[in-house]
Amino acid sequence: MDANHHSLDMFDNYAHHLKSTHSEELLTEYVSMLKDFAARNMGAKHYSRIRNSMEAMLKLENGNTAAHELAEHFREVYRRRPSFMAEISKF
């Protein structure tokens, strides 16, 4: 969990391999990174990227709960971004 190796792409690609041993830590990092990513980026391409990472979260233990809570946070904070709300509607 070296700070130099934190990236959404890395987490998306390898999280399912670590789900039995590191789910809690991965979910904590996912939520933090996605909140930061959403705060810094706007647009359909970025919203799709967030949705993809949230779908990867679902593969982890308790990922459904974490993804739902994150979606609720996004709905509250970014309610004026309709394309973002459409991307995360399944959560």
C-alpha atoms as a PDB file:
ATOM      1  CA  MET A   1       0.000   0.000   0.000  1.00  0.00           C
ATOM      2  CA  ASP A   2       2.882   2.305  -0.832  1.00  0.00           C
ATOM      3  CA  ALA A   3       1.661   5.818  -1.645  1.00  0.00           C
ATOM      4  CA  ASN A   4       3.759   5.795  -4.835  1.00  0.00           C
ATOM      5  CA  HIS A   5       1.681   2.919  -6.183  1.00  0.00           C
ATOM      6  CA  HIS A   6      -1.812   4.223  -5.504  1.00  0.00           C
ATOM      7  CA  SER A   7      -3.748   4.488  -8.720  1.00  0.00           C
ATOM      8  CA  LEU A   8      -7.273   3.614  -9.678  1.00  0.00           C
ATOM      9  CA  ASP A   9      -6.020   1.499 -12.579  1.00  0.00           C
ATOM     10  CA  MET A  10      -3.812  -0.588 -10.324  1.00  0.00           C
ATOM     11  CA  PHE A  11      -6.607  -1.069  -7.800  1.00  0.00           C
ATOM     12  CA  ASP A  12      -9.099  -2.001 -10.528  1.00  0.00           C
ATOM     13  CA  ASN A  13      -6.741  -4.577 -12.013  1.00  0.00           C
ATOM     14  CA  TYR A  14      -5.519  -6.265  -8.848  1.00  0.00           C
ATOM     15  CA  ALA A  15      -8.152  -5.765  -6.153  1.00  0.00           C
ATOM     16  CA  HIS A  16     -10.000  -8.995  -6.903  1.00  0.00           C
ATOM     17  CA  HIS A  17      -6.776 -10.941  -6.284  1.00  0.00           C
ATOM     18  CA  LEU A  18      -6.478  -9.471  -2.791  1.00  0.00           C
ATOM     19  CA  LYS A  19     -10.119  -9.576  -1.749  1.00  0.00           C
ATOM     20  CA  SER A  20      -9.739 -12.339   0.817  1.00  0.00           C
ATOM     21  CA  THR A  21      -6.852 -10.689   2.653  1.00  0.00           C
ATOM     22  CA  HIS A  22      -7.059  -6.924   2.115  1.00  0.00           C
ATOM     23  CA  SER A  23     -10.663  -5.979   1.321  1.00  0.00           C
ATOM     24  CA  GLU A  24     -11.064  -3.509   4.165  1.00  0.00           C
ATOM     25  CA  GLU A  25      -7.878  -1.582   3.338  1.00  0.00           C
ATOM     26  CA  LEU A  26      -8.642  -1.600  -0.381  1.00  0.00           C
ATOM     27  CA  LEU A  27     -12.154  -0.261   0.152  1.00  0.00           C
ATOM     28  CA  THR A  28     -10.858   2.520   2.379  1.00  0.00           C
ATOM     29  CA  GLU A  29      -8.338   3.531  -0.270  1.00  0.00           C
ATOM     30  CA  TYR A  30     -10.890   3.206  -3.088  1.00  0.00           C
ATOM     31  CA  VAL A  31     -13.328   5.540  -1.350  1.00  0.00           C
ATOM     32  CA  SER A  32     -10.628   8.089  -0.645  1.00  0.00           C
ATOM     33  CA  MET A  33      -9.233   8.008  -4.174  1.00  0.00           C
ATOM     34  CA  LEU A  34     -12.660   8.184  -5.831  1.00  0.00           C
ATOM     35  CA  LYS A  35     -13.776  11.129  -3.711  1.00  0.00           C
ATOM     36  CA  ASP A  36     -10.575  12.951  -4.646  1.00  0.00           C
ATOM     37  CA  PHE A  37     -10.939  11.983  -8.324  1.00  0.00           C
ATOM     38  CA  ALA A  38     -14.554  13.223  -8.434  1.00  0.00           C
ATOM     39  CA  ALA A  39     -13.581  16.507  -6.788  1.00  0.00           C
ATOM     40  CA  ARG A  40     -10.857  17.155  -9.357  1.00  0.00           C
ATOM     41  CA  ASN A  41     -12.522  15.878 -12.552  1.00  0.00           C
ATOM     42  CA  MET A  42     -15.720  16.548 -14.480  1.00  0.00           C
ATOM     43  CA  GLY A  43     -17.100  15.124 -17.699  1.00  0.00           C
ATOM     44  CA  ALA A  44     -18.566  11.928 -19.096  1.00  0.00           C
ATOM     45  CA  LYS A  45     -15.190  10.225 -19.516  1.00  0.00           C
ATOM     46  CA  HIS A  46     -14.337  10.780 -15.860  1.00  0.00           C
ATOM     47  CA  TYR A  47     -17.773   9.749 -14.618  1.00  0.00           C
ATOM     48  CA  SER A  48     -17.476   6.506 -16.554  1.00  0.00           C
ATOM     49  CA  ARG A  49     -14.060   5.949 -14.961  1.00  0.00           C
ATOM     50  CA  ILE A  50     -15.581   6.391 -11.498  1.00  0.00           C
ATOM     51  CA  ARG A  51     -18.377   3.929 -12.320  1.00  0.00           C
ATOM     52  CA  ASN A  52     -15.829   1.359 -13.511  1.00  0.00           C
ATOM     53  CA  SER A  53     -13.915   1.631 -10.251  1.00  0.00           C
ATOM     54  CA  MET A  54     -17.107   1.372  -8.230  1.00  0.00           C
ATOM     55  CA  GLU A  55     -17.953  -1.804 -10.142  1.00  0.00           C
ATOM     56  CA  ALA A  56     -14.515  -3.166  -9.219  1.00  0.00           C
ATOM     57  CA  MET A  57     -15.296  -2.364  -5.577  1.00  0.00           C
ATOM     58  CA  LEU A  58     -18.267  -4.737  -5.789  1.00  0.00           C
ATOM     59  CA  LYS A  59     -15.849  -7.673  -6.137  1.00  0.00           C
ATOM     60  CA  LEU A  60     -14.439  -7.061  -2.663  1.00  0.00           C
ATOM     61  CA  GLU A  61     -15.895  -8.229   0.638  1.00  0.00           C
ATOM     62  CA  ASN A  62     -18.439  -5.611   1.791  1.00  0.00           C
ATOM     63  CA  GLY A  63     -17.916  -3.854  -1.535  1.00  0.00           C
ATOM     64  CA  ASN A  64     -21.663  -3.536  -2.142  1.00  0.00           C
ATOM     65  CA  THR A  65     -22.099  -1.548   1.043  1.00  0.00           C
ATOM     66  CA  ALA A  66     -19.072   0.669   0.407  1.00  0.00           C
ATOM     67  CA  ALA A  67     -20.099   1.371  -3.198  1.00  0.00           C
ATOM     68  CA  HIS A  68     -23.657   2.215  -2.126  1.00  0.00           C
ATOM     69  CA  GLU A  69     -22.449   4.587   0.608  1.00  0.00           C
ATOM     70  CA  LEU A  70     -20.049   6.240  -1.834  1.00  0.00           C
ATOM     71  CA  ALA A  71     -22.849   6.654  -4.380  1.00  0.00           C
ATOM     72  CA  GLU A  72     -25.023   8.266  -1.698  1.00  0.00           C
ATOM     73  CA  HIS A  73     -22.182  10.678  -0.925  1.00  0.00           C
ATOM     74  CA  PHE A  74     -21.820  11.536  -4.618  1.00  0.00           C
ATOM     75  CA  ARG A  75     -25.593  12.028  -4.981  1.00  0.00           C
ATOM     76  CA  GLU A  76     -25.536  14.535  -2.158  1.00  0.00           C
ATOM     77  CA  VAL A  77     -22.402  16.429  -3.195  1.00  0.00           C
ATOM     78  CA  TYR A  78     -22.734  16.314  -7.002  1.00  0.00           C
ATOM     79  CA  ARG A  79     -26.513  16.295  -7.471  1.00  0.00           C
ATOM     80  CA  ARG A  80     -26.221  19.006 -10.167  1.00  0.00           C
ATOM     81  CA  ARG A  81     -24.195  16.736 -12.456  1.00  0.00           C
ATOM     82  CA  PRO A  82     -26.907  14.733 -14.245  1.00  0.00           C
ATOM     83  CA  SER A  83     -24.535  12.654 -16.362  1.00  0.00           C
ATOM     84  CA  PHE A  84     -22.660  11.664 -13.201  1.00  0.00           C
ATOM     85  CA  MET A  85     -25.913  10.700 -11.485  1.00  0.00           C
ATOM     86  CA  ALA A  86     -26.832   8.573 -14.510  1.00  0.00           C
ATOM     87  CA  GLU A  87     -23.483   6.740 -14.352  1.00  0.00           C
ATOM     88  CA  ILE A  88     -23.870   5.804 -10.696  1.00  0.00           C
ATOM     89  CA  SER A  89     -27.606   5.084 -10.795  1.00  0.00           C
ATOM     90  CA  LYS A  90     -27.162   1.312 -10.319  1.00  0.00           C
ATOM     91  CA  PHE A  91     -25.458   1.771  -6.978  1.00  0.00           C
END
